[in-house]
Protein backbone atom coordinates (compact mmCIF):
# COMPACT_ATOMS: atom_id res chain seq x y z
CA MET A 1 -128.48 78.29 81.08
CA SER A 2 -130.54 81.39 80.28
CA GLU A 3 -128.33 83.49 82.57
CA PHE A 4 -125.28 82.27 80.68
CA LEU A 5 -126.89 83.18 77.35
CA ILE A 6 -127.74 86.69 78.55
CA GLU A 7 -124.21 87.17 79.85
CA SER A 8 -122.86 85.84 76.56
CA HIS A 9 -124.92 88.34 74.57
CA ILE A 10 -123.70 91.23 76.72
CA ASN A 11 -120.09 90.10 76.30
CA SER A 12 -120.62 89.85 72.54
CA LEU A 13 -122.15 93.32 72.47
CA LYS A 14 -119.17 94.66 74.40
CA GLN A 15 -116.77 93.10 71.88
CA VAL A 16 -118.71 94.63 68.99
CA ILE A 17 -118.65 98.09 70.57
CA GLU A 18 -114.93 97.92 71.36
CA SER A 19 -114.11 96.74 67.83
CA LEU A 20 -116.20 99.48 66.22
CA CYS A 21 -114.51 102.10 68.39
CA GLU A 22 -111.13 100.83 67.15
CA GLY A 23 -112.25 101.20 63.53
CA ASP A 24 -112.86 97.51 62.87
CA THR A 25 -116.12 95.95 61.64
CA PRO A 26 -116.72 92.54 63.27
CA SER A 27 -119.39 91.53 60.75
CA ALA A 28 -119.65 87.87 61.80
CA LEU A 29 -120.05 88.72 65.49
CA MET A 30 -122.55 91.50 64.70
CA LYS A 31 -124.63 89.15 62.55
CA GLN A 32 -124.55 86.41 65.18
CA LEU A 33 -125.63 88.86 67.88
CA GLU A 34 -128.49 90.11 65.71
CA GLN A 35 -129.71 86.57 65.00
CA ASP A 36 -129.21 84.87 68.35
CA CYS A 37 -130.07 87.64 70.81
CA ASP A 38 -133.82 88.11 71.23
CA SER A 39 -133.71 90.89 73.82
CA ILE A 40 -131.41 92.98 75.98
CA GLY A 41 -132.39 94.04 79.47
CA HIS A 42 -132.06 97.62 80.70
CA ASP A 43 -130.07 96.67 83.79
CA GLU A 44 -127.55 94.65 81.78
CA LEU A 45 -127.12 97.56 79.37
CA VAL A 46 -126.55 100.06 82.19
CA LYS A 47 -123.92 97.76 83.68
CA LEU A 48 -122.19 97.48 80.29
CA PHE A 49 -122.19 101.25 79.76
CA THR A 50 -120.74 101.76 83.24
CA GLU A 51 -117.87 99.38 82.44
CA LEU A 52 -117.16 101.06 79.11
CA ASP A 53 -117.19 104.51 80.68
CA ALA A 54 -114.76 103.32 83.35
CA GLN A 55 -112.43 102.11 80.59
CA GLY A 56 -112.52 105.50 78.94
CA SER A 57 -114.28 104.19 75.83
CA ARG A 58 -115.49 106.79 73.30
CA PHE A 59 -118.45 104.61 72.29
CA ARG A 60 -120.99 107.40 72.91
CA SER A 61 -119.53 109.53 70.12
CA CYS A 62 -118.53 106.77 67.70
CA GLU A 63 -120.71 106.96 64.56
CA ALA A 64 -120.33 103.23 63.84
CA VAL A 65 -121.54 102.35 67.34
CA ILE A 66 -124.45 104.79 67.06
CA ASP A 67 -125.50 103.25 63.73
CA PHE A 68 -125.28 99.75 65.18
CA PHE A 69 -127.43 100.79 68.12
CA ASP A 70 -130.01 102.46 65.86
CA ASN A 71 -130.24 99.52 63.48
CA VAL A 72 -129.91 96.53 65.82
CA VAL A 73 -129.59 97.17 69.55
CA GLN A 74 -132.62 99.45 69.95
CA ASP A 75 -134.89 96.66 68.75
CA LYS A 76 -133.37 94.26 71.28
CA ILE A 77 -133.87 96.79 74.07
CA ALA A 78 -137.50 97.24 73.04
CA ALA A 79 -138.01 93.47 73.07
CA GLY A 80 -136.50 93.38 76.55
CA ARG A 81 -139.10 95.90 77.73
CA LEU A 82 -141.92 93.81 76.26
CA ASN A 83 -140.85 90.71 78.15
CA GLN A 84 -141.70 92.44 81.44
CA TYR A 85 -145.43 92.28 80.66
CA PRO A 86 -147.86 89.45 79.82
CA MET A 87 -149.26 89.13 76.33
CA GLY A 88 -152.13 91.52 75.67
CA HIS A 89 -151.42 93.74 78.70
CA PRO A 90 -152.25 97.38 77.82
CA VAL A 91 -148.70 98.52 78.64
CA ARG A 92 -147.21 95.81 76.45
CA VAL A 93 -149.50 96.92 73.63
CA TYR A 94 -148.36 100.54 74.02
CA LEU A 95 -144.76 99.34 73.75
CA GLU A 96 -145.55 97.14 70.74
CA GLU A 97 -147.03 100.17 69.03
CA ASN A 98 -143.91 102.18 69.82
CA ILE A 99 -141.80 99.48 68.20
CA LEU A 100 -144.05 99.61 65.15
CA LEU A 101 -143.95 103.41 65.02
CA ARG A 102 -140.15 103.49 65.22
CA SER A 103 -139.90 100.92 62.43
CA LEU A 104 -142.23 102.98 60.24
CA ILE A 105 -140.24 106.14 60.89
CA LYS A 106 -137.00 104.31 60.11
CA GLU A 107 -138.51 103.01 56.88
CA ILE A 108 -140.01 106.30 55.74
CA TRP A 109 -136.61 108.03 55.97
CA GLN A 110 -135.70 106.07 52.83
CA PHE A 111 -138.17 108.09 50.78
CA LYS A 112 -137.93 111.81 50.07
CA PRO A 113 -141.32 113.36 49.35
CA THR A 114 -139.83 115.48 46.58
CA GLN A 115 -138.67 112.32 44.81
CA GLN A 116 -140.94 109.49 46.01
CA LEU A 117 -144.14 111.14 47.26
CA GLU A 118 -146.36 108.11 46.68
CA GLU A 119 -144.18 105.77 48.76
CA PHE A 120 -143.84 108.45 51.45
CA ALA A 121 -147.63 108.96 51.53
CA THR A 122 -148.30 105.23 51.99
CA LEU A 123 -146.03 104.95 55.01
CA PHE A 124 -147.16 108.28 56.42
CA LYS A 125 -150.75 107.01 56.46
CA GLU A 126 -149.63 104.19 58.76
CA ILE A 127 -147.72 106.60 60.98
CA GLY A 128 -150.89 108.68 61.27
CA LYS A 129 -152.53 105.78 63.13
CA VAL A 130 -150.63 106.99 66.18
CA GLU A 131 -153.87 108.90 66.78
CA LEU A 132 -155.37 105.64 68.10
CA HIS A 133 -152.41 105.31 70.47
CA TYR A 134 -153.02 108.84 71.77
CA GLN A 135 -156.79 108.37 72.04
CA ARG A 136 -156.38 105.29 74.21
CA LYS A 137 -154.04 107.16 76.51
CA GLU A 138 -156.40 110.12 76.81
CA ASN A 139 -159.63 108.16 77.23
CA GLN A 140 -158.39 105.05 78.99
CA LEU A 141 -155.07 105.45 80.75
CA PHE A 142 -155.30 109.07 81.90
CA PRO A 143 -158.69 108.65 83.67
CA CYS A 144 -157.31 105.67 85.60
CA LEU A 145 -154.27 107.68 86.65
CA GLU A 146 -156.53 110.53 87.78
CA LYS A 147 -158.42 108.14 90.07
CA HIS A 148 -155.10 107.39 91.75
CA GLY A 149 -154.25 111.07 92.18
CA TRP A 150 -151.93 111.62 89.20
CA ASP A 151 -153.48 114.15 86.83
CA SER A 152 -150.28 115.56 85.31
CA PRO A 153 -150.59 113.47 82.13
CA SER A 154 -154.13 114.77 81.56
CA LYS A 155 -153.00 118.36 82.03
CA ASN A 156 -149.64 118.26 80.25
CA MET A 157 -149.13 115.23 78.02
CA TRP A 158 -152.49 115.72 76.34
CA ALA A 159 -151.26 119.15 75.19
CA PHE A 160 -148.19 117.49 73.64
CA HIS A 161 -150.51 115.06 71.85
CA ASP A 162 -152.38 117.99 70.35
CA GLU A 163 -149.13 119.61 69.23
CA ASN A 164 -148.13 116.39 67.48
CA ARG A 165 -151.60 116.16 65.94
CA ALA A 166 -151.20 119.66 64.54
CA ILE A 167 -147.87 118.77 62.89
CA LEU A 168 -149.31 115.49 61.59
CA LYS A 169 -152.13 117.46 60.03
CA GLU A 170 -149.72 119.90 58.37
CA VAL A 171 -147.70 117.10 56.80
CA ARG A 172 -150.83 115.16 55.83
CA GLN A 173 -152.33 118.20 54.09
CA ALA A 174 -149.05 118.88 52.32
CA VAL A 175 -148.98 115.29 51.05
CA GLU A 176 -152.63 115.40 49.97
CA GLN A 177 -152.09 118.70 48.13
CA GLY A 178 -148.93 117.42 46.45
CA ASP A 179 -146.71 119.96 48.22
CA ALA A 180 -143.73 117.62 48.53
CA THR A 181 -141.33 120.40 49.50
CA LEU A 182 -143.40 121.41 52.54
CA ALA A 183 -143.84 117.77 53.55
CA GLU A 184 -140.09 117.26 53.35
CA GLN A 185 -139.46 120.33 55.50
CA LYS A 186 -141.98 119.43 58.21
CA ALA A 187 -141.46 115.66 58.45
CA PRO A 188 -138.11 115.58 60.33
CA TYR A 189 -139.44 117.77 63.14
CA LEU A 190 -142.59 115.63 63.37
CA PHE A 191 -140.64 112.39 63.59
CA GLY A 192 -138.44 113.89 66.28
CA GLU A 193 -141.48 114.89 68.34
CA LEU A 194 -143.05 111.45 67.95
CA GLU A 195 -139.82 109.90 69.24
CA ARG A 196 -139.71 112.35 72.15
CA MET A 197 -143.24 111.34 73.16
CA MET A 198 -142.34 107.65 73.01
CA GLN A 199 -139.36 108.22 75.28
CA ILE A 200 -141.53 110.08 77.81
CA GLU A 201 -143.98 107.17 77.76
CA GLU A 202 -141.32 104.52 78.24
CA GLN A 203 -139.21 106.34 80.81
CA ARG A 204 -141.89 108.09 82.85
CA LEU A 205 -145.54 107.48 82.03
CA LEU A 206 -145.80 103.70 81.73
CA PRO A 207 -143.44 102.78 84.62
CA ARG A 208 -145.33 105.16 86.90
CA ALA A 209 -148.66 103.76 85.70
CA MET A 210 -147.50 100.26 86.61
CA GLU A 211 -146.75 101.49 90.12
CA LEU A 212 -150.13 103.19 90.58
CA LEU A 213 -152.64 100.92 88.86
CA ASP A 214 -153.74 97.47 89.96
CA GLU A 215 -154.83 94.43 87.97
CA GLU A 216 -158.46 95.49 88.03
CA ASP A 217 -157.57 98.83 86.45
CA TRP A 218 -155.76 97.10 83.60
CA LEU A 219 -158.64 94.68 83.06
CA ASP A 220 -161.13 97.53 82.83
CA MET A 221 -158.80 99.41 80.51
CA ARG A 222 -158.47 96.57 78.03
CA SER A 223 -162.19 96.39 77.25
CA GLY A 224 -162.29 100.11 76.45
CA ASP A 225 -159.03 99.90 74.48
CA ARG A 226 -160.72 97.45 72.15
CA GLU A 227 -163.51 99.93 71.37
CA ILE A 228 -161.00 102.61 70.34
CA GLY A 229 -158.65 100.34 68.43
CA TRP A 230 -154.90 99.92 67.97
CA MET A 231 -152.16 100.91 65.55
CA LEU A 232 -151.30 97.25 65.12
CA ALA A 233 -152.39 95.37 62.01
CA THR A 234 -153.99 92.62 64.10
CA GLU A 235 -155.73 92.72 67.45
CA PRO A 236 -153.39 92.08 70.42
CA ALA A 237 -153.57 88.81 72.29
CA PRO A 238 -156.49 88.47 74.74
CA PHE A 239 -155.94 89.88 78.20
CA PRO A 240 -156.20 88.50 80.79
CA VAL A 241 -155.74 84.75 80.43
CA ILE A 242 -159.09 83.46 81.72
CA HIS A 243 -158.91 80.73 84.37
CA ASP A 244 -161.78 78.38 85.11
CA GLU A 245 -162.22 79.45 88.71
CA VAL A 246 -162.99 83.10 87.89
CA ILE A 247 -165.62 82.51 85.19
CA ASP A 248 -169.32 81.77 85.57
CA ASP A 249 -170.20 78.20 84.50
CA ASN A 250 -172.29 79.35 81.54
CA VAL A 251 -169.54 81.69 80.38
CA LEU A 252 -166.93 78.94 80.75
CA GLU A 253 -169.05 76.62 78.61
CA SER A 254 -169.33 79.21 75.84
CA VAL A 255 -165.61 79.94 76.00
CA GLU A 256 -164.70 76.26 75.78
CA SER A 257 -166.91 75.80 72.73
CA ALA A 258 -165.45 78.84 70.98
CA SER A 259 -162.28 78.87 68.97
CA ALA A 260 -159.01 79.42 70.78
CA GLU A 261 -158.61 82.80 69.12
CA GLN A 262 -161.95 84.20 70.33
CA TYR A 263 -161.72 87.29 72.50
CA VAL A 264 -163.09 86.92 76.03
CA HIS A 265 -164.51 90.21 77.26
CA PRO A 266 -163.22 91.22 80.71
CA SER A 267 -166.84 91.86 81.79
CA GLN A 268 -167.25 88.07 81.93
CA VAL A 269 -164.77 87.89 84.78
CA LYS A 270 -166.19 87.98 88.30
CA ARG A 271 -165.06 91.37 89.52
CA LYS A 272 -166.64 94.66 90.39
CA LYS A 273 -165.33 97.83 88.83
CA LYS A 274 -164.33 100.52 91.31
CA LEU A 275 -165.86 103.92 90.64
CA PRO A 276 -164.87 107.27 92.17
CA PHE A 277 -168.50 108.13 93.00
CA ASP A 278 -171.56 106.65 94.70
CA THR A 279 -174.01 105.03 92.26
CA THR A 280 -176.95 104.91 94.69
CA GLY A 281 -180.09 106.05 92.90
CA MET A 282 -178.41 105.83 89.51
CA PHE A 283 -179.09 103.59 86.54
CA HIS A 284 -176.30 101.84 84.63
CA PHE A 285 -176.32 102.53 80.90
CA ASP A 286 -174.04 101.09 78.20
CA GLU A 287 -171.27 103.21 79.64
CA GLY A 288 -171.69 105.24 82.78
CA TYR A 289 -174.34 105.99 85.37
CA MET A 290 -176.97 108.71 85.68
CA THR A 291 -179.97 109.50 87.83
CA PRO A 292 -183.41 109.84 86.20
CA GLU A 293 -183.20 113.57 86.89
CA GLN A 294 -179.92 113.88 85.01
CA VAL A 295 -181.31 111.91 82.06
CA ASN A 296 -184.36 114.17 81.94
CA LEU A 297 -182.22 117.31 82.08
CA ILE A 298 -180.13 116.08 79.17
CA PHE A 299 -183.22 115.41 77.06
CA LYS A 300 -184.58 118.89 77.90
CA THR A 301 -181.24 120.47 76.95
CA LEU A 302 -180.76 118.72 73.60
CA PRO A 303 -181.27 121.21 70.73
CA LEU A 304 -183.53 118.83 68.82
CA ASP A 305 -186.88 117.04 69.07
CA ILE A 306 -186.86 113.34 69.90
CA THR A 307 -189.82 110.97 69.86
CA TYR A 308 -189.67 107.24 70.56
CA VAL A 309 -192.22 104.74 69.25
CA ASP A 310 -191.94 101.15 70.53
CA GLU A 311 -192.14 97.88 68.58
CA ASN A 312 -195.92 97.85 69.11
CA ASP A 313 -196.27 101.20 67.29
CA LYS A 314 -197.13 103.11 70.46
CA VAL A 315 -195.60 106.49 71.33
CA LEU A 316 -193.78 106.06 74.63
CA PHE A 317 -191.67 109.21 74.92
CA TYR A 318 -190.88 112.66 73.63
CA ASN A 319 -188.52 115.27 75.05
CA ARG A 320 -189.67 118.67 76.28
CA GLY A 321 -187.05 120.97 74.77
CA GLN A 322 -187.11 124.71 75.31
CA GLU A 323 -188.14 125.39 71.70
CA ARG A 324 -189.91 122.49 69.99
CA LEU A 325 -190.16 122.43 66.21
CA PHE A 326 -193.45 120.53 66.28
CA PRO A 327 -196.14 120.79 68.95
CA ARG A 328 -196.45 117.84 71.30
CA SER A 329 -198.55 117.21 74.38
CA ALA A 330 -198.78 114.44 76.94
CA GLY A 331 -201.90 113.21 75.18
CA ILE A 332 -199.84 111.41 72.54
CA ILE A 333 -198.20 109.09 75.06
CA GLY A 334 -199.63 105.62 74.48
CA ARG A 335 -201.27 106.50 71.16
CA GLU A 336 -200.79 104.52 67.98
CA VAL A 337 -198.17 106.26 65.86
CA HIS A 338 -200.42 106.50 62.79
CA LEU A 339 -202.92 108.54 64.82
CA CYS A 340 -200.25 111.12 65.65
CA HIS A 341 -199.70 112.32 62.07
CA PRO A 342 -201.89 114.20 59.60
CA PRO A 343 -203.69 112.01 57.03
CA LYS A 344 -201.38 113.10 54.19
CA SER A 345 -198.33 111.78 56.09
CA VAL A 346 -199.76 108.54 57.47
CA ASP A 347 -198.96 106.36 54.44
CA THR A 348 -195.32 107.48 54.52
CA VAL A 349 -195.04 106.84 58.27
CA LEU A 350 -196.56 103.37 57.93
CA ARG A 351 -194.21 102.49 55.09
CA ILE A 352 -191.18 103.54 57.13
CA VAL A 353 -192.32 101.43 60.09
CA GLU A 354 -193.02 98.45 57.84
CA GLU A 355 -189.57 98.57 56.18
CA PHE A 356 -187.89 98.98 59.56
CA LYS A 357 -189.74 95.95 60.90
CA LYS A 358 -188.77 93.86 57.87
CA GLY A 359 -185.14 94.91 58.31
CA THR A 360 -184.85 96.26 54.77
CA ARG A 361 -184.18 99.81 55.94
CA ASP A 362 -182.64 101.49 58.97
CA VAL A 363 -182.84 105.23 58.23
CA ALA A 364 -185.27 107.61 56.52
CA ASP A 365 -184.39 111.28 55.90
CA PHE A 366 -186.52 114.34 55.12
CA ARG A 367 -185.75 118.05 54.73
CA ILE A 368 -188.41 120.72 54.94
CA LYS A 369 -188.77 124.47 55.51
CA ILE A 370 -190.82 125.72 58.44
CA ARG A 371 -191.36 129.42 59.07
CA GLY A 372 -188.30 130.27 57.04
CA ARG A 373 -186.12 127.73 58.88
CA PHE A 374 -184.47 124.66 57.33
CA VAL A 375 -185.32 121.49 59.27
CA VAL A 376 -184.00 117.94 58.97
CA ILE A 377 -186.26 115.08 60.09
CA ARG A 378 -184.69 111.65 60.49
CA TYR A 379 -186.17 108.30 61.45
CA PHE A 380 -183.94 105.54 62.84
CA ALA A 381 -184.79 101.88 63.37
CA VAL A 382 -184.09 100.91 66.98
CA ARG A 383 -182.74 97.37 67.28
CA ASP A 384 -181.39 95.33 70.18
CA GLU A 385 -178.12 93.42 70.23
CA GLU A 386 -179.74 90.51 68.37
CA LYS A 387 -180.93 92.94 65.65
CA ASN A 388 -184.56 92.52 66.69
CA TYR A 389 -186.77 95.50 65.88
CA ARG A 390 -187.56 97.52 69.03
CA GLY A 391 -189.13 100.64 67.60
CA VAL A 392 -188.48 103.95 65.86
CA LEU A 393 -186.58 107.04 66.98
CA GLU A 394 -187.72 110.26 65.30
CA MET A 395 -185.30 113.18 65.46
CA SER A 396 -185.95 116.70 64.15
CA GLN A 397 -183.37 119.49 64.13
CA ASP A 398 -183.23 123.07 62.89
CA ILE A 399 -179.99 123.26 60.90
CA THR A 400 -180.46 126.73 59.40
CA ASP A 401 -177.56 128.25 61.33
CA ILE A 402 -175.43 125.13 61.01
CA GLN A 403 -175.61 125.42 57.21
CA THR A 404 -173.93 128.83 57.35
CA LEU A 405 -170.81 127.57 59.14
CA GLU A 406 -167.53 127.75 57.25
CA GLY A 407 -163.92 126.99 58.11
CA GLU A 408 -162.73 126.11 61.62
CA GLN A 409 -163.26 127.77 64.98
CA ARG A 410 -160.87 126.50 67.60
CA LEU A 411 -160.97 129.44 70.01
CA LEU A 412 -163.79 130.57 72.28
CA ASP A 413 -165.46 133.59 70.69
CA TRP A 414 -167.29 134.94 73.73
CA ALA A 415 -167.14 138.72 73.97
């Protein structure tokens, strides 16, 4: 039955195209096709175009046909692409965002900035969320493709992203400054470039990604996608669908007791993430792996002083930077924090620790001058995932030179 319906839709579409080419407007048939047809497959469309070309139809240059395609058929084609992928799959989400972006661009064409700047600005803000779409590609999809030997997107497509970002910024600044004329001049080119990028994704990037990446890659990708976010107004459906046999018993129990809409993190699935390097001798942090030597080198390289005091008020760590702002020695390790400060500062330190422990405060800031340099000292409450107090992180940084910075510097200024 479904095959008959698909064939019927294609036949109806062919009748609409032929009628439009002859100068007629089959409104009833067009409306029925728009209402009854949920999606149109690529293969069926190619077959239809081949038949029309063989008949000598001028449908490719007919304005009425082009308008019908832009307003109705393109959405059906997009829906057909979606149906190839399960709900929540990263590729499906990319395509859903493209559908959203095209609808926003189609809608914003109704408003000229020189006449309706406020309406234009509202829609343009939504279009600007394409940045999340690009960030997920750059930080999630591209690294996976690199692991499988395809680094062209990282080298080339990323540059196109940056070009689009630059145009987005120009239009955004024009809108914010009330320069409606400039916004109106720049917007058409921007929308054209956004469409070009979507076509590259749909015709080249995503199909190739589906060939290269396996299920485990997509599962890993989804968890990171969630951290970056989506253009969509609501979070996409969970991916994957979790089956009983691949979940630990305790995880299954918690999932069953949760609401049906609760997101199940892919890390709960029994699988081991493949990495392109050996993790022997490394420790796993929130994200990534490092050896103790690498961690120590990073702390020594940081251009700021860091001291960590645990929940029992004992100093456990400080970094040995090349130029410390305040003198430290190994003798402070294990000492009570109040013994590590001059008497005039002790009351302030104890108050900070007390408020952090009570949960009434999370940050304390100070600014002082030392030897003609301007220094910021910040204290942060360290808490675990359950918000339990686990100590204090003290961070001191010389910001004298930072304060003098003005404007942007996007090019390397090495002599």
